[in-house]
Protein backbone atom coordinates (compact mmCIF):
# COMPACT_ATOMS: atom_id res chain seq x y z
CA UNK A 1 149.79 108.25 7.98
CA UNK A 2 152.44 105.70 7.18
CA UNK A 3 154.65 102.84 8.26
CA UNK A 4 158.30 101.92 7.85
CA UNK A 5 159.28 98.57 6.35
CA UNK A 6 162.53 96.62 6.40
CA UNK A 7 163.30 93.77 4.01
CA UNK A 8 166.75 93.03 5.45
CA UNK A 9 166.24 92.36 9.15
CA UNK A 10 166.21 96.00 10.22
CA UNK A 11 169.49 97.15 8.67
CA UNK A 12 167.59 99.58 6.43
CA UNK A 13 164.09 101.01 6.69
CA UNK A 14 161.85 102.46 3.99
CA UNK A 15 158.96 104.79 4.84
CA UNK A 16 155.67 103.97 3.13
CA UNK A 17 152.93 106.58 3.00
CA UNK A 18 149.42 105.19 3.39
CA UNK A 19 147.20 108.25 3.60
CA UNK A 20 147.86 111.79 2.43
CA UNK A 21 145.25 113.10 4.86
CA UNK A 22 146.96 115.38 7.39
CA UNK A 23 146.45 114.72 11.07
CA UNK A 24 146.32 110.93 10.75
CA UNK A 25 148.64 108.47 12.45
CA UNK A 26 149.35 104.76 12.34
CA UNK A 27 148.98 102.89 15.61
CA UNK A 28 149.23 99.17 14.73
CA UNK A 29 150.25 96.98 11.82
CA UNK A 30 150.26 93.29 10.88
CA UNK A 31 151.67 91.27 8.00
CA UNK A 32 149.78 88.18 6.89
CA UNK A 33 151.94 85.26 8.10
CA UNK A 34 151.11 83.16 5.05
CA UNK A 35 151.61 85.97 2.51
CA UNK A 36 154.19 88.69 3.19
CA UNK A 37 152.69 90.84 0.42
CA UNK A 38 149.57 91.51 2.50
CA UNK A 39 149.77 94.30 5.10
CA UNK A 40 147.05 95.56 7.42
CA UNK A 41 147.52 98.92 9.18
CA UNK A 42 145.29 100.61 11.72
CA UNK A 43 145.33 104.19 12.84
CA UNK A 44 143.28 107.22 13.66
CA UNK A 45 142.38 110.68 12.52
CA UNK A 46 143.03 113.80 14.61
CA UNK A 47 139.39 113.55 15.74
CA UNK A 48 140.03 109.97 16.98
CA UNK A 49 138.10 108.18 14.22
CA UNK A 50 139.21 104.73 13.12
CA UNK A 51 141.28 104.07 10.03
CA UNK A 52 142.08 100.59 8.72
CA UNK A 53 143.98 100.01 5.48
CA UNK A 54 145.08 96.95 3.52
CA UNK A 55 147.79 96.46 0.92
CA UNK A 56 148.14 93.32 -1.19
CA UNK A 57 151.41 94.39 -2.84
CA UNK A 58 153.82 95.11 0.04
CA UNK A 59 152.58 98.64 0.55
CA UNK A 60 152.69 99.97 -3.01
CA UNK A 61 148.91 100.54 -3.00
CA UNK A 62 146.41 100.82 -0.14
CA UNK A 63 142.67 100.32 0.21
CA UNK A 64 140.64 101.77 3.09
CA UNK A 65 138.77 98.91 4.81
CA UNK A 66 137.47 100.62 7.95
CA UNK A 67 133.88 99.70 6.95
CA UNK A 68 132.00 100.34 10.19
CA UNK A 69 134.84 100.09 12.73
CA UNK A 70 134.24 103.14 14.88
CA UNK A 71 137.17 103.38 17.30
CA UNK A 72 140.88 103.36 16.46
CA UNK A 73 142.54 99.93 16.33
CA UNK A 74 144.78 98.91 19.23
CA UNK A 75 145.81 95.53 17.81
CA UNK A 76 145.53 93.57 14.56
CA UNK A 77 146.06 89.84 14.00
CA UNK A 78 145.89 87.83 10.79
CA UNK A 79 145.09 84.13 10.61
CA UNK A 80 148.38 82.37 9.74
CA UNK A 81 146.65 79.88 7.44
CA UNK A 82 144.19 82.23 5.77
CA UNK A 83 145.09 85.89 5.24
CA UNK A 84 141.40 86.76 4.75
CA UNK A 85 140.57 86.10 8.43
CA UNK A 86 141.57 89.24 10.31
CA UNK A 87 140.90 90.53 13.82
CA UNK A 88 140.93 94.23 14.70
CA UNK A 89 140.82 95.09 18.40
CA UNK A 90 139.47 98.48 19.49
CA UNK A 91 138.85 99.67 23.03
CA UNK A 92 135.15 98.81 22.78
CA UNK A 93 135.03 95.78 20.45
CA UNK A 94 136.75 92.98 18.62
CA UNK A 95 136.00 93.00 14.91
CA UNK A 96 136.38 89.91 12.72
CA UNK A 97 136.55 89.74 8.95
CA UNK A 98 136.47 86.52 6.95
CA UNK A 99 136.97 88.31 3.63
CA UNK A 100 140.14 90.34 4.11
CA UNK A 101 138.41 93.41 5.50
CA UNK A 102 135.71 93.87 2.88
CA UNK A 103 133.22 93.59 5.74
CA UNK A 104 133.51 93.27 9.52
CA UNK A 105 131.44 91.53 12.20
CA UNK A 106 131.53 92.60 15.82
CA UNK A 107 132.39 89.59 18.02
CA UNK A 108 130.01 88.70 20.84
CA UNK A 109 131.44 87.85 24.26
CA UNK A 110 129.84 85.85 27.12
CA UNK A 111 130.01 88.81 29.51
CA UNK A 112 129.68 92.53 28.99
CA UNK A 113 133.32 93.32 28.39
CA UNK A 114 135.14 96.42 27.26
CA UNK A 115 138.70 97.65 27.18
CA UNK A 116 139.86 95.22 24.50
CA UNK A 117 143.61 95.63 24.18
CA UNK A 118 145.37 92.64 22.61
CA UNK A 119 144.90 89.63 20.33
CA UNK A 120 146.95 86.49 19.58
CA UNK A 121 146.43 83.48 17.31
CA UNK A 122 147.96 80.00 17.60
CA UNK A 123 149.87 79.67 14.31
CA UNK A 124 149.73 75.84 14.46
CA UNK A 125 146.00 75.80 15.18
CA UNK A 126 144.47 79.11 14.05
CA UNK A 127 141.08 78.04 15.37
CA UNK A 128 142.54 79.13 18.73
CA UNK A 129 142.28 82.91 19.14
CA UNK A 130 142.91 84.86 22.36
CA UNK A 131 141.79 88.39 23.26
CA UNK A 132 143.08 90.42 26.20
CA UNK A 133 140.81 92.94 27.90
CA UNK A 134 140.73 95.02 31.07
CA UNK A 135 138.65 92.15 32.52
CA UNK A 136 140.95 89.27 31.58
CA UNK A 137 141.47 86.84 28.71
CA UNK A 138 138.88 85.39 26.34
CA UNK A 139 139.51 82.28 24.24
CA UNK A 140 137.93 81.06 21.02
CA UNK A 141 138.26 77.56 19.60
CA UNK A 142 136.44 78.40 16.34
CA UNK A 143 138.40 81.31 14.82
CA UNK A 144 136.56 83.94 16.84
CA UNK A 145 132.95 82.89 16.36
CA UNK A 146 132.37 82.06 20.07
CA UNK A 147 134.35 83.03 23.18
CA UNK A 148 135.00 81.70 26.70
CA UNK A 149 136.46 83.59 29.67
CA UNK A 150 139.75 81.90 30.67
CA UNK A 151 140.91 84.50 33.20
CA UNK A 152 140.80 82.31 36.29
CA UNK A 153 144.06 82.59 38.20
CA UNK A 154 145.00 86.06 37.00
CA UNK A 155 145.46 88.27 40.04
CA UNK A 156 145.32 91.41 37.89
CA UNK A 157 142.90 90.97 35.00
CA UNK A 158 143.97 94.10 33.06
CA UNK A 159 145.66 92.43 30.08
CA UNK A 160 147.85 94.65 27.90
CA UNK A 161 149.80 92.10 25.82
CA UNK A 162 149.33 88.55 24.56
CA UNK A 163 151.77 86.18 22.89
CA UNK A 164 151.02 82.59 21.96
CA UNK A 165 154.06 80.30 21.68
CA UNK A 166 152.86 77.62 19.28
CA UNK A 167 155.94 75.45 19.89
CA UNK A 168 154.85 74.66 23.45
CA UNK A 169 151.15 75.67 23.28
CA UNK A 170 151.61 78.36 25.92
CA UNK A 171 149.83 81.69 26.12
CA UNK A 172 151.87 84.48 27.72
CA UNK A 173 149.80 87.27 29.26
CA UNK A 174 151.21 90.70 30.13
CA UNK A 175 149.14 92.62 32.66
CA UNK A 176 148.99 96.20 33.91
CA UNK A 177 150.91 96.06 37.18
CA UNK A 178 150.39 92.32 37.68
CA UNK A 179 153.41 90.93 35.87
CA UNK A 180 153.64 88.23 33.22
CA UNK A 181 151.51 85.09 33.37
CA UNK A 182 151.49 81.93 31.31
CA UNK A 183 149.04 79.11 30.68
CA UNK A 184 149.19 75.98 28.57
CA UNK A 185 146.45 75.26 26.04
């Protein structure tokens, strides 16, 4: 399991090995916006078990921080103002850590949802967190402690990608077969 890292805008790439265990693969990665030395990487074993790792020194050393996350990560987001607040999205849950992955709490949603696929954070107001699922978009105004369904208006609720443009407070929502949607917050 590993990642490739560029420090010069993609001109050159350096492979970084995370796990020597054979049959593992990386699926998602995130760099802490406020501290480029902190990397989070998610992956899976050949038997589809979750793997989550953290590096605090640009990938020189790694610590396993899976700690109860059962399914492989599909998305990772790091709070831009506090690299210890991290979200890991798996197909059956959204996991939140307030201590850099030492422990994880499963987020509770207002409806029985599943198929979590994407996460985005407003970098200007990191209290605003968005999660995309196969049932639409959920929104938190308190860094992921509580959630509200904000899917009204989506003709196809299967959300595969999220991007929050902090410059104009607009959430862009990519859907499975339903195109790209946007909404101001």
